[in-house]
C-alpha atoms as a PDB file:
ATOM      1  CA  MET A   1     115.805 -62.397  -2.101  1.00  0.00           C
ATOM      2  CA  ALA A   2     112.792 -64.281  -1.624  1.00  0.00           C
ATOM      3  CA  GLN A   3     112.943 -68.085  -3.056  1.00  0.00           C
ATOM      4  CA  ASP A   4     110.517 -69.990  -4.522  1.00  0.00           C
ATOM      5  CA  THR A   5     111.511 -73.342  -2.828  1.00  0.00           C
ATOM      6  CA  PRO A   6     112.906 -72.698   0.740  1.00  0.00           C
ATOM      7  CA  THR A   7     114.362 -75.042   2.935  1.00  0.00           C
ATOM      8  CA  GLU A   8     114.219 -75.335   6.381  1.00  0.00           C
ATOM      9  CA  VAL A   9     116.163 -77.122   8.892  1.00  0.00           C
ATOM     10  CA  GLN A  10     114.039 -78.920  11.784  1.00  0.00           C
ATOM     11  CA  PRO A  11     116.293 -80.334  14.667  1.00  0.00           C
ATOM     12  CA  GLY A  12     113.866 -82.863  16.283  1.00  0.00           C
ATOM     13  CA  PRO A  13     111.341 -85.032  14.679  1.00  0.00           C
ATOM     14  CA  PHE A  14     108.447 -82.970  15.572  1.00  0.00           C
ATOM     15  CA  ALA A  15     107.964 -79.567  13.399  1.00  0.00           C
ATOM     16  CA  VAL A  16     106.018 -77.638  16.159  1.00  0.00           C
ATOM     17  CA  PHE A  17     105.123 -78.197  20.025  1.00  0.00           C
ATOM     18  CA  LEU A  18     101.688 -77.190  20.315  1.00  0.00           C
ATOM     19  CA  SER A  19     101.090 -75.443  23.568  1.00  0.00           C
ATOM     20  CA  HIS A  20      97.293 -75.044  24.766  1.00  0.00           C
ATOM     21  CA  HIS A  21      95.128 -74.307  27.516  1.00  0.00           C
ATOM     22  CA  SER A  22      92.807 -77.686  28.037  1.00  0.00           C
ATOM     23  CA  ARG A  23      89.736 -75.835  27.185  1.00  0.00           C
ATOM     24  CA  ASP A  24      91.033 -75.218  23.837  1.00  0.00           C
ATOM     25  CA  LYS A  25      92.133 -78.629  22.936  1.00  0.00           C
ATOM     26  CA  PRO A  26      89.346 -79.209  20.208  1.00  0.00           C
ATOM     27  CA  SER A  27      90.347 -76.249  18.493  1.00  0.00           C
ATOM     28  CA  VAL A  28      93.899 -77.093  18.968  1.00  0.00           C
ATOM     29  CA  GLU A  29      93.301 -80.677  17.720  1.00  0.00           C
ATOM     30  CA  SER A  30      91.479 -79.510  14.530  1.00  0.00           C
ATOM     31  CA  LEU A  31      94.492 -77.631  13.639  1.00  0.00           C
ATOM     32  CA  ALA A  32      96.995 -80.509  14.499  1.00  0.00           C
ATOM     33  CA  ARG A  33      95.563 -82.654  11.793  1.00  0.00           C
ATOM     34  CA  ARG A  34      95.430 -80.287   9.319  1.00  0.00           C
ATOM     35  CA  LEU A  35      99.249 -79.797  10.134  1.00  0.00           C
ATOM     36  CA  LYS A  36     100.076 -83.668   9.792  1.00  0.00           C
ATOM     37  CA  GLU A  37      97.941 -83.584   6.737  1.00  0.00           C
ATOM     38  CA  SER A  38     100.401 -80.784   5.434  1.00  0.00           C
ATOM     39  CA  ALA A  39     103.336 -82.985   6.070  1.00  0.00           C
ATOM     40  CA  LEU A  40     104.329 -80.979   9.527  1.00  0.00           C
ATOM     41  CA  GLU A  41     104.268 -83.398  12.627  1.00  0.00           C
ATOM     42  CA  PRO A  42     102.754 -81.649  15.734  1.00  0.00           C
ATOM     43  CA  TRP A  43     103.937 -82.471  19.179  1.00  0.00           C
ATOM     44  CA  PHE A  44      99.900 -82.561  20.316  1.00  0.00           C
ATOM     45  CA  ASP A  45      99.747 -84.224  24.028  1.00  0.00           C
ATOM     46  CA  ALA A  46      96.626 -85.967  23.022  1.00  0.00           C
ATOM     47  CA  TRP A  47      98.530 -87.813  21.158  1.00  0.00           C
ATOM     48  CA  CYS A  48     102.223 -87.713  22.508  1.00  0.00           C
ATOM     49  CA  LEU A  49     101.685 -87.896  26.357  1.00  0.00           C
ATOM     50  CA  PRO A  50     101.644 -91.218  27.644  1.00  0.00           C
ATOM     51  CA  LEU A  51      99.475 -92.261  30.277  1.00  0.00           C
ATOM     52  CA  GLY A  52     100.717 -92.179  33.869  1.00  0.00           C
ATOM     53  CA  ASP A  53     102.568 -89.408  35.876  1.00  0.00           C
ATOM     54  CA  HIS A  54     106.064 -87.704  35.274  1.00  0.00           C
ATOM     55  CA  TYR A  55     103.818 -85.199  33.214  1.00  0.00           C
ATOM     56  CA  GLN A  56     106.920 -82.265  33.319  1.00  0.00           C
ATOM     57  CA  ALA A  57     109.609 -84.367  32.064  1.00  0.00           C
ATOM     58  CA  HIS A  58     107.415 -85.892  29.000  1.00  0.00           C
ATOM     59  CA  LEU A  59     106.410 -82.168  28.375  1.00  0.00           C
ATOM     60  CA  ALA A  60     110.429 -81.329  28.657  1.00  0.00           C
ATOM     61  CA  GLU A  61     111.225 -83.941  26.274  1.00  0.00           C
ATOM     62  CA  GLY A  62     108.661 -82.737  23.815  1.00  0.00           C
ATOM     63  CA  VAL A  63     109.729 -79.127  23.919  1.00  0.00           C
ATOM     64  CA  GLN A  64     113.356 -80.353  23.300  1.00  0.00           C
ATOM     65  CA  ASN A  65     112.249 -82.457  20.316  1.00  0.00           C
ATOM     66  CA  SER A  66     110.157 -80.105  18.370  1.00  0.00           C
ATOM     67  CA  ALA A  67     111.668 -77.187  16.285  1.00  0.00           C
ATOM     68  CA  THR A  68     109.457 -74.418  16.989  1.00  0.00           C
ATOM     69  CA  CYS A  69     106.492 -73.985  19.887  1.00  0.00           C
ATOM     70  CA  ALA A  70     103.385 -72.517  18.906  1.00  0.00           C
ATOM     71  CA  VAL A  71     101.374 -70.811  21.915  1.00  0.00           C
ATOM     72  CA  PHE A  72      97.440 -70.771  21.814  1.00  0.00           C
ATOM     73  CA  ILE A  73      96.038 -67.861  23.152  1.00  0.00           C
ATOM     74  CA  GLY A  74      92.339 -68.660  23.823  1.00  0.00           C
ATOM     75  CA  PRO A  75      89.507 -66.669  25.425  1.00  0.00           C
ATOM     76  CA  GLY A  76      90.618 -68.384  28.930  1.00  0.00           C
ATOM     77  CA  GLY A  77      94.258 -67.176  28.736  1.00  0.00           C
ATOM     78  CA  LEU A  78      96.956 -69.558  29.570  1.00  0.00           C
ATOM     79  CA  GLY A  79      96.175 -72.594  31.573  1.00  0.00           C
ATOM     80  CA  ASN A  80      98.418 -73.893  34.354  1.00  0.00           C
ATOM     81  CA  TRP A  81     100.426 -76.444  32.350  1.00  0.00           C
ATOM     82  CA  GLU A  82     100.444 -74.160  29.212  1.00  0.00           C
ATOM     83  CA  ASP A  83     102.248 -71.539  31.537  1.00  0.00           C
ATOM     84  CA  LEU A  84     104.658 -74.513  32.573  1.00  0.00           C
ATOM     85  CA  GLU A  85     105.178 -75.790  28.686  1.00  0.00           C
ATOM     86  CA  TYR A  86     105.680 -71.803  27.649  1.00  0.00           C
ATOM     87  CA  GLN A  87     108.265 -71.809  30.459  1.00  0.00           C
ATOM     88  CA  LEU A  88     110.105 -74.364  29.031  1.00  0.00           C
ATOM     89  CA  ALA A  89     109.937 -73.030  25.566  1.00  0.00           C
ATOM     90  CA  THR A  90     111.429 -69.705  26.412  1.00  0.00           C
ATOM     91  CA  GLN A  91     114.246 -71.361  28.422  1.00  0.00           C
ATOM     92  CA  ARG A  92     114.976 -73.329  25.321  1.00  0.00           C
ATOM     93  CA  GLN A  93     114.845 -70.208  23.307  1.00  0.00           C
ATOM     94  CA  ALA A  94     117.373 -68.420  25.631  1.00  0.00           C
ATOM     95  CA  ARG A  95     119.840 -71.359  24.797  1.00  0.00           C
ATOM     96  CA  ASP A  96     119.025 -72.213  21.269  1.00  0.00           C
ATOM     97  CA  ARG A  97     118.585 -68.874  18.891  1.00  0.00           C
ATOM     98  CA  SER A  98     117.336 -71.295  16.395  1.00  0.00           C
ATOM     99  CA  PHE A  99     113.932 -72.244  18.028  1.00  0.00           C
ATOM    100  CA  ARG A 100     111.396 -70.201  17.712  1.00  0.00           C
ATOM    101  CA  VAL A 101     108.196 -69.194  20.193  1.00  0.00           C
ATOM    102  CA  PHE A 102     105.487 -67.644  18.485  1.00  0.00           C
ATOM    103  CA  PRO A 103     101.761 -67.074  19.625  1.00  0.00           C
ATOM    104  CA  VAL A 104      98.127 -67.798  17.680  1.00  0.00           C
ATOM    105  CA  LEU A 105      95.256 -66.006  18.405  1.00  0.00           C
ATOM    106  CA  LEU A 106      92.039 -68.624  18.515  1.00  0.00           C
ATOM    107  CA  PRO A 107      88.518 -67.635  17.536  1.00  0.00           C
ATOM    108  CA  GLY A 108      86.760 -66.003  20.816  1.00  0.00           C
ATOM    109  CA  LEU A 109      89.329 -63.111  21.650  1.00  0.00           C
ATOM    110  CA  PRO A 110      87.789 -59.936  21.133  1.00  0.00           C
ATOM    111  CA  ASP A 111      88.711 -57.898  18.246  1.00  0.00           C
ATOM    112  CA  PRO A 112      90.919 -55.594  18.537  1.00  0.00           C
ATOM    113  CA  PHE A 113      93.170 -57.666  20.656  1.00  0.00           C
ATOM    114  CA  ASP A 114      94.700 -56.226  24.406  1.00  0.00           C
ATOM    115  CA  THR A 115      98.369 -57.180  23.616  1.00  0.00           C
ATOM    116  CA  ASN A 116      98.817 -57.028  26.916  1.00  0.00           C
ATOM    117  CA  ARG A 117      97.200 -60.153  27.519  1.00  0.00           C
ATOM    118  CA  LEU A 118     100.159 -61.648  25.948  1.00  0.00           C
ATOM    119  CA  PRO A 119     102.627 -63.504  28.419  1.00  0.00           C
ATOM    120  CA  PRO A 120     105.992 -61.078  28.523  1.00  0.00           C
ATOM    121  CA  PHE A 121     108.271 -62.918  26.059  1.00  0.00           C
ATOM    122  CA  LEU A 122     105.585 -62.993  23.563  1.00  0.00           C
ATOM    123  CA  LEU A 123     104.590 -59.557  23.403  1.00  0.00           C
ATOM    124  CA  LEU A 124     106.905 -58.513  20.645  1.00  0.00           C
ATOM    125  CA  SER A 125     106.309 -61.742  18.938  1.00  0.00           C
ATOM    126  CA  THR A 126     104.402 -61.917  15.537  1.00  0.00           C
ATOM    127  CA  TRP A 127     100.837 -63.791  16.131  1.00  0.00           C
ATOM    128  CA  VAL A 128      99.377 -65.980  14.152  1.00  0.00           C
ATOM    129  CA  ASP A 129      95.390 -64.841  13.776  1.00  0.00           C
ATOM    130  CA  PHE A 130      92.413 -67.442  13.682  1.00  0.00           C
ATOM    131  CA  ARG A 131      89.870 -64.851  15.199  1.00  0.00           C
ATOM    132  CA  ARG A 132      88.271 -64.987  11.833  1.00  0.00           C
ATOM    133  CA  GLY A 133      87.674 -68.998  12.080  1.00  0.00           C
ATOM    134  CA  LEU A 134      89.600 -72.044  12.460  1.00  0.00           C
ATOM    135  CA  ARG A 135      89.320 -72.906   8.692  1.00  0.00           C
ATOM    136  CA  ASP A 136      90.513 -69.774   7.352  1.00  0.00           C
ATOM    137  CA  GLU A 137      92.904 -70.445   4.629  1.00  0.00           C
ATOM    138  CA  ASP A 138      95.573 -67.339   4.823  1.00  0.00           C
ATOM    139  CA  SER A 139      95.376 -67.858   8.581  1.00  0.00           C
ATOM    140  CA  PHE A 140      96.351 -71.496   8.283  1.00  0.00           C
ATOM    141  CA  GLN A 141      99.238 -70.632   5.512  1.00  0.00           C
ATOM    142  CA  ASP A 142     100.184 -68.362   7.919  1.00  0.00           C
ATOM    143  CA  LEU A 143     100.769 -70.884  10.788  1.00  0.00           C
ATOM    144  CA  ILE A 144     102.726 -73.041   8.409  1.00  0.00           C
ATOM    145  CA  CYS A 145     104.883 -70.092   7.575  1.00  0.00           C
ATOM    146  CA  ALA A 146     105.639 -69.674  10.922  1.00  0.00           C
ATOM    147  CA  ILE A 147     106.194 -72.996  11.874  1.00  0.00           C
ATOM    148  CA  LYS A 148     108.467 -73.295   8.761  1.00  0.00           C
ATOM    149  CA  GLY A 149     110.341 -69.807   9.898  1.00  0.00           C
ATOM    150  CA  LEU A 150     109.409 -68.397   6.387  1.00  0.00           C
ATOM    151  CA  PRO A 151     108.410 -64.560   6.051  1.00  0.00           C
ATOM    152  CA  ARG A 152     104.594 -64.092   6.326  1.00  0.00           C
ATOM    153  CA  GLY A 153     103.320 -64.104   2.468  1.00  0.00           C
ATOM    154  CA  LEU A 154     106.192 -65.290   0.935  1.00  0.00           C
ATOM    155  CA  ARG A 155     104.218 -66.928  -1.721  1.00  0.00           C
ATOM    156  CA  GLU A 156     103.229 -63.368  -2.752  1.00  0.00           C
ATOM    157  CA  ARG A 157     106.860 -61.927  -2.759  1.00  0.00           C
ATOM    158  CA  SER A 158     108.214 -65.013  -4.077  1.00  0.00           C
ATOM    159  CA  ARG A 159     106.482 -63.873  -7.500  1.00  0.00           C
ATOM    160  CA  ALA A 160     108.651 -60.546  -7.269  1.00  0.00           C
ATOM    161  CA  ARG A 161     110.583 -59.521 -10.209  1.00  0.00           C
ATOM    162  CA  ASP A 162     114.361 -61.345  -9.670  1.00  0.00           C
ATOM    163  CA  GLU A 163     115.921 -58.316 -11.702  1.00  0.00           C
ATOM    164  CA  VAL A 164     114.626 -55.596  -8.865  1.00  0.00           C
ATOM    165  CA  CYS A 165     117.341 -55.519  -6.072  1.00  0.00           C
ATOM    166  CA  PRO A 166     115.411 -55.612  -2.783  1.00  0.00           C
ATOM    167  CA  TYR A 167     118.307 -53.710  -0.632  1.00  0.00           C
ATOM    168  CA  ARG A 168     117.495 -50.079   0.108  1.00  0.00           C
ATOM    169  CA  GLY A 169     121.016 -49.658   1.853  1.00  0.00           C
ATOM    170  CA  LEU A 170     120.057 -46.314   3.906  1.00  0.00           C
ATOM    171  CA  HIS A 171     117.094 -45.330   2.300  1.00  0.00           C
ATOM    172  CA  ARG A 172     113.752 -46.067   3.407  1.00  0.00           C
ATOM    173  CA  PHE A 173     110.993 -48.300   2.059  1.00  0.00           C
ATOM    174  CA  ASP A 174     108.165 -46.929   0.491  1.00  0.00           C
ATOM    175  CA  GLU A 175     104.708 -48.294  -0.804  1.00  0.00           C
ATOM    176  CA  GLU A 176     106.281 -49.526  -4.246  1.00  0.00           C
ATOM    177  CA  HIS A 177     108.428 -51.626  -2.108  1.00  0.00           C
ATOM    178  CA  ALA A 178     106.506 -53.224  -0.225  1.00  0.00           C
ATOM    179  CA  PRO A 179     106.959 -56.947  -1.731  1.00  0.00           C
ATOM    180  CA  TYR A 180     109.881 -56.589  -0.356  1.00  0.00           C
ATOM    181  CA  PHE A 181     109.610 -55.478   2.878  1.00  0.00           C
ATOM    182  CA  PHE A 182     109.754 -58.212   5.908  1.00  0.00           C
ATOM    183  CA  GLY A 183     110.230 -58.425   9.020  1.00  0.00           C
ATOM    184  CA  ARG A 184     107.951 -55.919  11.003  1.00  0.00           C
ATOM    185  CA  GLU A 185     104.939 -57.863  10.823  1.00  0.00           C
ATOM    186  CA  ALA A 186     104.588 -58.112  14.917  1.00  0.00           C
ATOM    187  CA  ASP A 187     104.959 -54.012  14.873  1.00  0.00           C
ATOM    188  CA  ILE A 188     102.311 -53.584  11.630  1.00  0.00           C
ATOM    189  CA  GLN A 189     100.210 -55.999  13.750  1.00  0.00           C
ATOM    190  CA  ARG A 190      99.994 -53.953  16.811  1.00  0.00           C
ATOM    191  CA  LEU A 191      99.696 -50.825  14.548  1.00  0.00           C
ATOM    192  CA  LEU A 192      96.535 -52.520  13.049  1.00  0.00           C
ATOM    193  CA  GLU A 193      94.931 -53.217  16.228  1.00  0.00           C
ATOM    194  CA  ARG A 194      95.231 -49.602  17.415  1.00  0.00           C
ATOM    195  CA  LEU A 195      93.889 -47.984  14.524  1.00  0.00           C
ATOM    196  CA  LYS A 196      90.634 -49.897  15.534  1.00  0.00           C
ATOM    197  CA  THR A 197      89.862 -47.910  18.866  1.00  0.00           C
ATOM    198  CA  THR A 198      92.010 -44.667  18.048  1.00  0.00           C
ATOM    199  CA  ARG A 199      91.824 -42.181  15.748  1.00  0.00           C
ATOM    200  CA  PHE A 200      95.057 -40.686  16.293  1.00  0.00           C
ATOM    201  CA  LEU A 201      98.285 -42.596  16.480  1.00  0.00           C
ATOM    202  CA  ALA A 202     102.013 -41.923  16.896  1.00  0.00           C
ATOM    203  CA  VAL A 203     104.947 -44.393  16.412  1.00  0.00           C
ATOM    204  CA  LEU A 204     107.580 -43.202  18.193  1.00  0.00           C
ATOM    205  CA  GLY A 205     111.513 -44.380  17.823  1.00  0.00           C
ATOM    206  CA  ALA A 206     115.275 -43.342  17.228  1.00  0.00           C
ATOM    207  CA  SER A 207     116.409 -41.879  14.105  1.00  0.00           C
ATOM    208  CA  GLY A 208     117.121 -44.632  11.595  1.00  0.00           C
ATOM    209  CA  SER A 209     114.570 -47.343  13.516  1.00  0.00           C
ATOM    210  CA  GLY A 210     112.600 -47.897  10.404  1.00  0.00           C
ATOM    211  CA  LYS A 211     109.549 -45.677  11.470  1.00  0.00           C
ATOM    212  CA  SER A 212     108.897 -44.323   7.982  1.00  0.00           C
ATOM    213  CA  SER A 213     109.557 -48.036   6.115  1.00  0.00           C
ATOM    214  CA  VAL A 214     107.102 -49.916   8.550  1.00  0.00           C
ATOM    215  CA  ILE A 215     104.408 -46.951   7.967  1.00  0.00           C
ATOM    216  CA  ARG A 216     104.887 -46.589   4.289  1.00  0.00           C
ATOM    217  CA  ALA A 217     105.798 -49.979   3.041  1.00  0.00           C
ATOM    218  CA  GLY A 218     104.164 -51.906   5.603  1.00  0.00           C
ATOM    219  CA  LEU A 219     100.826 -50.487   7.467  1.00  0.00           C
ATOM    220  CA  ILE A 220      99.438 -48.069   4.629  1.00  0.00           C
ATOM    221  CA  PRO A 221      99.950 -50.715   1.782  1.00  0.00           C
ATOM    222  CA  ARG A 222      97.301 -53.195   4.302  1.00  0.00           C
ATOM    223  CA  LEU A 223      95.054 -50.333   4.879  1.00  0.00           C
ATOM    224  CA  ARG A 224      95.094 -49.523   1.178  1.00  0.00           C
ATOM    225  CA  ALA A 225      94.251 -53.668   0.845  1.00  0.00           C
ATOM    226  CA  GLY A 226      91.473 -53.226   3.184  1.00  0.00           C
ATOM    227  CA  VAL A 227      92.705 -55.166   6.341  1.00  0.00           C
ATOM    228  CA  LEU A 228      90.428 -52.799   8.382  1.00  0.00           C
ATOM    229  CA  ASP A 229      86.902 -52.271   8.153  1.00  0.00           C
ATOM    230  CA  GLY A 230      86.419 -49.763   4.657  1.00  0.00           C
ATOM    231  CA  SER A 231      90.069 -48.936   4.816  1.00  0.00           C
ATOM    232  CA  GLU A 232      90.153 -49.273   1.290  1.00  0.00           C
ATOM    233  CA  ALA A 233      88.320 -46.054   0.810  1.00  0.00           C
ATOM    234  CA  TRP A 234      90.395 -44.013   3.155  1.00  0.00           C
ATOM    235  CA  ARG A 235      91.871 -41.307   1.853  1.00  0.00           C
ATOM    236  CA  ILE A 236      95.774 -41.311   2.722  1.00  0.00           C
ATOM    237  CA  ARG A 237      97.854 -38.340   2.399  1.00  0.00           C
ATOM    238  CA  VAL A 238     101.723 -38.736   3.138  1.00  0.00           C
ATOM    239  CA  LEU A 239     103.563 -35.275   4.299  1.00  0.00           C
ATOM    240  CA  THR A 240     107.344 -34.673   5.215  1.00  0.00           C
ATOM    241  CA  PRO A 241     106.782 -31.710   7.750  1.00  0.00           C
ATOM    242  CA  GLY A 242     110.257 -30.378   6.929  1.00  0.00           C
ATOM    243  CA  ALA A 243     111.085 -26.761   8.367  1.00  0.00           C
ATOM    244  CA  THR A 244     107.741 -25.546   8.517  1.00  0.00           C
ATOM    245  CA  PRO A 245     105.271 -28.401   9.510  1.00  0.00           C
ATOM    246  CA  LEU A 246     102.345 -26.355   9.966  1.00  0.00           C
ATOM    247  CA  ALA A 247     102.706 -24.653   6.124  1.00  0.00           C
ATOM    248  CA  THR A 248     103.030 -28.517   5.109  1.00  0.00           C
ATOM    249  CA  LEU A 249     100.132 -29.373   6.543  1.00  0.00           C
ATOM    250  CA  ALA A 250      97.629 -26.798   5.527  1.00  0.00           C
ATOM    251  CA  ALA A 251      99.168 -27.253   1.766  1.00  0.00           C
ATOM    252  CA  HIS A 252      97.749 -30.589   2.112  1.00  0.00           C
ATOM    253  CA  LEU A 253      94.247 -29.856   3.996  1.00  0.00           C
ATOM    254  CA  ALA A 254      93.889 -27.491   0.920  1.00  0.00           C
ATOM    255  CA  HIS A 255      93.639 -30.836  -1.629  1.00  0.00           C
ATOM    256  CA  GLU A 256      91.129 -31.982   0.773  1.00  0.00           C
ATOM    257  CA  LEU A 257      89.092 -29.108   1.095  1.00  0.00           C
ATOM    258  CA  PRO A 258      89.453 -26.862  -2.177  1.00  0.00           C
ATOM    259  CA  ARG A 259      86.957 -24.082  -0.591  1.00  0.00           C
ATOM    260  CA  ASP A 260      89.800 -22.904   1.795  1.00  0.00           C
ATOM    261  CA  SER A 261      92.845 -21.970   0.695  1.00  0.00           C
ATOM    262  CA  MET A 262      96.712 -22.684   2.137  1.00  0.00           C
ATOM    263  CA  GLU A 263      96.544 -19.143   3.826  1.00  0.00           C
ATOM    264  CA  ARG A 264      93.204 -19.418   5.560  1.00  0.00           C
ATOM    265  CA  LEU A 265      93.789 -23.309   6.488  1.00  0.00           C
ATOM    266  CA  LEU A 266      97.428 -22.222   8.297  1.00  0.00           C
ATOM    267  CA  ASP A 267      95.848 -19.001   9.891  1.00  0.00           C
ATOM    268  CA  ALA A 268      92.951 -21.161  11.079  1.00  0.00           C
ATOM    269  CA  LEU A 269      95.703 -23.714  12.174  1.00  0.00           C
ATOM    270  CA  THR A 270      97.689 -21.099  14.153  1.00  0.00           C
ATOM    271  CA  ARG A 271      94.876 -19.728  16.248  1.00  0.00           C
ATOM    272  CA  ASP A 272      92.795 -22.691  16.955  1.00  0.00           C
ATOM    273  CA  ALA A 273      94.240 -26.426  17.385  1.00  0.00           C
ATOM    274  CA  ARG A 274      91.011 -27.739  16.844  1.00  0.00           C
ATOM    275  CA  LYS A 275      90.998 -27.165  13.464  1.00  0.00           C
ATOM    276  CA  LEU A 276      92.911 -30.198  12.228  1.00  0.00           C
ATOM    277  CA  HIS A 277      90.147 -31.926  13.761  1.00  0.00           C
ATOM    278  CA  HIS A 278      87.366 -29.958  12.084  1.00  0.00           C
ATOM    279  CA  ALA A 279      89.029 -30.072   8.867  1.00  0.00           C
ATOM    280  CA  ALA A 280      89.274 -33.931   9.079  1.00  0.00           C
ATOM    281  CA  GLU A 281      85.419 -34.171   9.682  1.00  0.00           C
ATOM    282  CA  GLU A 282      84.897 -31.873   6.858  1.00  0.00           C
ATOM    283  CA  ALA A 283      86.983 -33.560   4.648  1.00  0.00           C
END
């Protein structure tokens, strides 16, 4: 169940180690100041790195004394020193499961974002997205949640009714269960990025891996909320193929194309694989 006042344990004096390319220093410093104002002490090199040499030892000490590590991704990618910091952070993460490393996307990155630009161990991590601007308040709250290890959007989930049990057992999560669905944010982010560039998206996985839940309780509510440009106006149909998937598809298309009967649509789909594309265009 979501809690109104979560507690978090910080093993070191710093809440987060801010790993960044030197070109992105002004942007990262502005966020560091906001974190400090929010009572989250950041390890920021311009403030914490002493003059002189032995930078590697001081960086390793900074990573060790931080509860989390934010890896900032800007238009220039990772710099040489940032790559070293990232390696130190992932080495610690391998030893300490409580230590979290997460990416932060900065303004100037393309939209949609190619996830292959992320370092290997961050490919499946949930990112914090500042592409809309450093002053975006929702993104800053997401950054705070990432540092504290709280589910994204906990402030909304905390208002969910206590008398409703969020545990679904072996049943899938659906749209009405969206307030209780979390932990798959990274998957949802990648689905949304893909939908910015393609009209067709297949989600594949083993039975019971949560494909239906991530679509129904994760992706669809965001589309209805207008996360993608114009998606709040999209017509969304959810169907279970069953034993006769083509007939099921024809029945759903008939709701969108009342001039065509289900039988005519089924015949057309059977004869011509392009009919689905044409029907979608007509709808």
